[in-house]
């Protein structure tokens, strides 16, 4: 019973992984009315994905990065940087800016992060 409780607790606190670009492509190509298994869908879409150029795959790679950033932001990020996704036409990039902290707070957090020390 305890083991099951830990699994539930971990799954709620851990960020879910974003789908990789191939899965983004496969979900785009799947017909919702067609009731095949995912392995059958993969057998159909894998040769198409392999023959695509990097320019054609770019849209799915960008969607994967955007989804990963959205999921990371939903779980609070890493606390040290703020990330944003910017896209202009075919070009997309991630902007990562440090979060400015008070120097004393920064040093306190840096050296007491993995300890049990607490202020009274």
C-alpha atoms as a PDB file:
ATOM      1  CA  UNK A   1       0.000   0.000   0.000  1.00  0.00           C
ATOM      2  CA  UNK A   2       2.780   2.415   0.876  1.00  0.00           C
ATOM      3  CA  UNK A   3       4.552   1.783  -2.411  1.00  0.00           C
ATOM      4  CA  UNK A   4       1.450   2.720  -4.339  1.00  0.00           C
ATOM      5  CA  UNK A   5       1.056   5.964  -2.347  1.00  0.00           C
ATOM      6  CA  UNK A   6       4.633   7.002  -3.158  1.00  0.00           C
ATOM      7  CA  UNK A   7       4.057   6.430  -6.861  1.00  0.00           C
ATOM      8  CA  UNK A   8       1.008   8.678  -6.813  1.00  0.00           C
ATOM      9  CA  UNK A   9       2.891  11.383  -4.938  1.00  0.00           C
ATOM     10  CA  UNK A  10       5.856  11.264  -7.332  1.00  0.00           C
ATOM     11  CA  UNK A  11       3.666  11.363 -10.428  1.00  0.00           C
ATOM     12  CA  UNK A  12       1.918  14.521  -9.215  1.00  0.00           C
ATOM     13  CA  UNK A  13       5.127  16.415  -8.470  1.00  0.00           C
ATOM     14  CA  UNK A  14       7.219  15.403 -11.482  1.00  0.00           C
ATOM     15  CA  UNK A  15       6.829  17.220 -14.794  1.00  0.00           C
ATOM     16  CA  UNK A  16       5.586  15.111 -17.667  1.00  0.00           C
ATOM     17  CA  UNK A  17       7.891  14.759 -20.637  1.00  0.00           C
ATOM     18  CA  UNK A  18       6.922  16.469 -23.855  1.00  0.00           C
ATOM     19  CA  UNK A  19       6.332  14.383 -26.956  1.00  0.00           C
ATOM     20  CA  UNK A  20       9.345  14.178 -29.243  1.00  0.00           C
ATOM     21  CA  UNK A  21       9.084  15.572 -32.818  1.00  0.00           C
ATOM     22  CA  UNK A  22       8.248  12.190 -34.343  1.00  0.00           C
ATOM     23  CA  UNK A  23       5.311  11.719 -31.971  1.00  0.00           C
ATOM     24  CA  UNK A  24       4.130  15.233 -32.834  1.00  0.00           C
ATOM     25  CA  UNK A  25       4.219  14.237 -36.523  1.00  0.00           C
ATOM     26  CA  UNK A  26       2.480  10.914 -35.897  1.00  0.00           C
ATOM     27  CA  UNK A  27      -0.348  12.575 -33.951  1.00  0.00           C
ATOM     28  CA  UNK A  28      -0.781  15.033 -36.812  1.00  0.00           C
ATOM     29  CA  UNK A  29      -1.036  12.237 -39.405  1.00  0.00           C
ATOM     30  CA  UNK A  30      -3.310   9.851 -37.469  1.00  0.00           C
ATOM     31  CA  UNK A  31      -6.931   9.777 -38.567  1.00  0.00           C
ATOM     32  CA  UNK A  32      -9.073   9.744 -35.383  1.00  0.00           C
ATOM     33  CA  UNK A  33     -11.729   7.615 -37.098  1.00  0.00           C
ATOM     34  CA  UNK A  34      -9.200   4.893 -37.905  1.00  0.00           C
ATOM     35  CA  UNK A  35      -9.013   2.462 -34.969  1.00  0.00           C
ATOM     36  CA  UNK A  36      -5.553   0.967 -35.549  1.00  0.00           C
ATOM     37  CA  UNK A  37      -2.981   0.175 -32.905  1.00  0.00           C
ATOM     38  CA  UNK A  38      -0.202   2.704 -32.386  1.00  0.00           C
ATOM     39  CA  UNK A  39       2.358   0.196 -33.659  1.00  0.00           C
ATOM     40  CA  UNK A  40       0.488   0.023 -36.974  1.00  0.00           C
ATOM     41  CA  UNK A  41       0.372   3.811 -37.188  1.00  0.00           C
ATOM     42  CA  UNK A  42       4.116   3.914 -36.525  1.00  0.00           C
ATOM     43  CA  UNK A  43       4.799   1.410 -39.308  1.00  0.00           C
ATOM     44  CA  UNK A  44       2.967   3.698 -41.727  1.00  0.00           C
ATOM     45  CA  UNK A  45       4.386   7.048 -40.611  1.00  0.00           C
ATOM     46  CA  UNK A  46       8.013   6.016 -39.907  1.00  0.00           C
ATOM     47  CA  UNK A  47       9.084   5.741 -43.582  1.00  0.00           C
ATOM     48  CA  UNK A  48       7.445   9.103 -44.316  1.00  0.00           C
ATOM     49  CA  UNK A  49       9.254  10.690 -41.351  1.00  0.00           C
ATOM     50  CA  UNK A  50      12.576   9.219 -42.453  1.00  0.00           C
ATOM     51  CA  UNK A  51      12.251  10.613 -45.964  1.00  0.00           C
ATOM     52  CA  UNK A  52      11.387  14.142 -44.798  1.00  0.00           C
ATOM     53  CA  UNK A  53      14.044  16.859 -44.919  1.00  0.00           C
ATOM     54  CA  UNK A  54      15.120  18.836 -41.860  1.00  0.00           C
ATOM     55  CA  UNK A  55      13.178  21.843 -43.140  1.00  0.00           C
ATOM     56  CA  UNK A  56       9.986  19.796 -43.236  1.00  0.00           C
ATOM     57  CA  UNK A  57      10.648  18.397 -39.746  1.00  0.00           C
ATOM     58  CA  UNK A  58      11.304  21.858 -38.304  1.00  0.00           C
ATOM     59  CA  UNK A  59       7.626  22.541 -37.569  1.00  0.00           C
ATOM     60  CA  UNK A  60       7.356  19.416 -35.414  1.00  0.00           C
ATOM     61  CA  UNK A  61      10.666  20.075 -33.638  1.00  0.00           C
ATOM     62  CA  UNK A  62       9.473  23.572 -32.731  1.00  0.00           C
ATOM     63  CA  UNK A  63       6.154  22.212 -31.462  1.00  0.00           C
ATOM     64  CA  UNK A  64       8.039  19.736 -29.273  1.00  0.00           C
ATOM     65  CA  UNK A  65      10.256  22.454 -27.771  1.00  0.00           C
ATOM     66  CA  UNK A  66       7.257  24.702 -27.123  1.00  0.00           C
ATOM     67  CA  UNK A  67       5.382  21.874 -25.398  1.00  0.00           C
ATOM     68  CA  UNK A  68       8.431  21.077 -23.244  1.00  0.00           C
ATOM     69  CA  UNK A  69       8.729  24.718 -22.139  1.00  0.00           C
ATOM     70  CA  UNK A  70       5.013  24.944 -21.373  1.00  0.00           C
ATOM     71  CA  UNK A  71       5.163  21.802 -19.227  1.00  0.00           C
ATOM     72  CA  UNK A  72       8.288  23.026 -17.427  1.00  0.00           C
ATOM     73  CA  UNK A  73       6.615  26.367 -16.704  1.00  0.00           C
ATOM     74  CA  UNK A  74       3.493  24.602 -15.410  1.00  0.00           C
ATOM     75  CA  UNK A  75       5.624  22.793 -12.820  1.00  0.00           C
ATOM     76  CA  UNK A  76       7.440  25.963 -11.704  1.00  0.00           C
ATOM     77  CA  UNK A  77      10.619  25.717 -13.765  1.00  0.00           C
ATOM     78  CA  UNK A  78      14.007  25.418 -12.105  1.00  0.00           C
ATOM     79  CA  UNK A  79      13.716  28.594 -10.010  1.00  0.00           C
ATOM     80  CA  UNK A  80      16.958  30.086 -11.320  1.00  0.00           C
ATOM     81  CA  UNK A  81      15.994  31.052 -14.873  1.00  0.00           C
ATOM     82  CA  UNK A  82      12.920  32.170 -16.762  1.00  0.00           C
ATOM     83  CA  UNK A  83      12.465  30.644 -20.214  1.00  0.00           C
ATOM     84  CA  UNK A  84      10.313  31.818 -23.092  1.00  0.00           C
ATOM     85  CA  UNK A  85       9.716  30.506 -26.609  1.00  0.00           C
ATOM     86  CA  UNK A  86       9.874  32.994 -29.481  1.00  0.00           C
ATOM     87  CA  UNK A  87       9.043  32.263 -33.094  1.00  0.00           C
ATOM     88  CA  UNK A  88       9.363  34.495 -36.151  1.00  0.00           C
ATOM     89  CA  UNK A  89       8.252  32.711 -39.304  1.00  0.00           C
ATOM     90  CA  UNK A  90      10.338  29.557 -39.707  1.00  0.00           C
ATOM     91  CA  UNK A  91      12.874  30.539 -37.048  1.00  0.00           C
ATOM     92  CA  UNK A  92      12.247  29.705 -33.394  1.00  0.00           C
ATOM     93  CA  UNK A  93      14.448  30.003 -30.344  1.00  0.00           C
ATOM     94  CA  UNK A  94      14.336  29.805 -26.555  1.00  0.00           C
ATOM     95  CA  UNK A  95      15.240  32.838 -24.462  1.00  0.00           C
ATOM     96  CA  UNK A  96      16.580  31.961 -21.024  1.00  0.00           C
ATOM     97  CA  UNK A  97      17.079  34.841 -18.585  1.00  0.00           C
ATOM     98  CA  UNK A  98      18.413  34.505 -15.043  1.00  0.00           C
ATOM     99  CA  UNK A  99      16.133  35.473 -12.189  1.00  0.00           C
ATOM    100  CA  UNK A 100      17.824  38.294 -10.294  1.00  0.00           C
ATOM    101  CA  UNK A 101      18.020  37.509  -6.590  1.00  0.00           C
ATOM    102  CA  UNK A 102      19.302  39.387  -3.615  1.00  0.00           C
ATOM    103  CA  UNK A 103      22.980  38.442  -3.153  1.00  0.00           C
ATOM    104  CA  UNK A 104      22.470  37.317   0.445  1.00  0.00           C
ATOM    105  CA  UNK A 105      19.470  35.185  -0.500  1.00  0.00           C
ATOM    106  CA  UNK A 106      21.391  33.706  -3.423  1.00  0.00           C
ATOM    107  CA  UNK A 107      24.358  32.702  -1.246  1.00  0.00           C
ATOM    108  CA  UNK A 108      22.062  31.321   1.454  1.00  0.00           C
ATOM    109  CA  UNK A 109      20.142  29.229  -1.080  1.00  0.00           C
ATOM    110  CA  UNK A 110      23.326  28.070  -2.795  1.00  0.00           C
ATOM    111  CA  UNK A 111      25.007  26.746   0.336  1.00  0.00           C
ATOM    112  CA  UNK A 112      21.934  25.456   2.207  1.00  0.00           C
ATOM    113  CA  UNK A 113      20.007  23.908  -0.676  1.00  0.00           C
ATOM    114  CA  UNK A 114      20.735  20.295   0.315  1.00  0.00           C
ATOM    115  CA  UNK A 115      20.869  20.749   4.079  1.00  0.00           C
ATOM    116  CA  UNK A 116      18.330  20.741   6.872  1.00  0.00           C
ATOM    117  CA  UNK A 117      19.315  24.233   8.055  1.00  0.00           C
ATOM    118  CA  UNK A 118      16.345  26.559   8.640  1.00  0.00           C
ATOM    119  CA  UNK A 119      16.088  30.097   9.925  1.00  0.00           C
ATOM    120  CA  UNK A 120      14.201  30.599  13.169  1.00  0.00           C
END
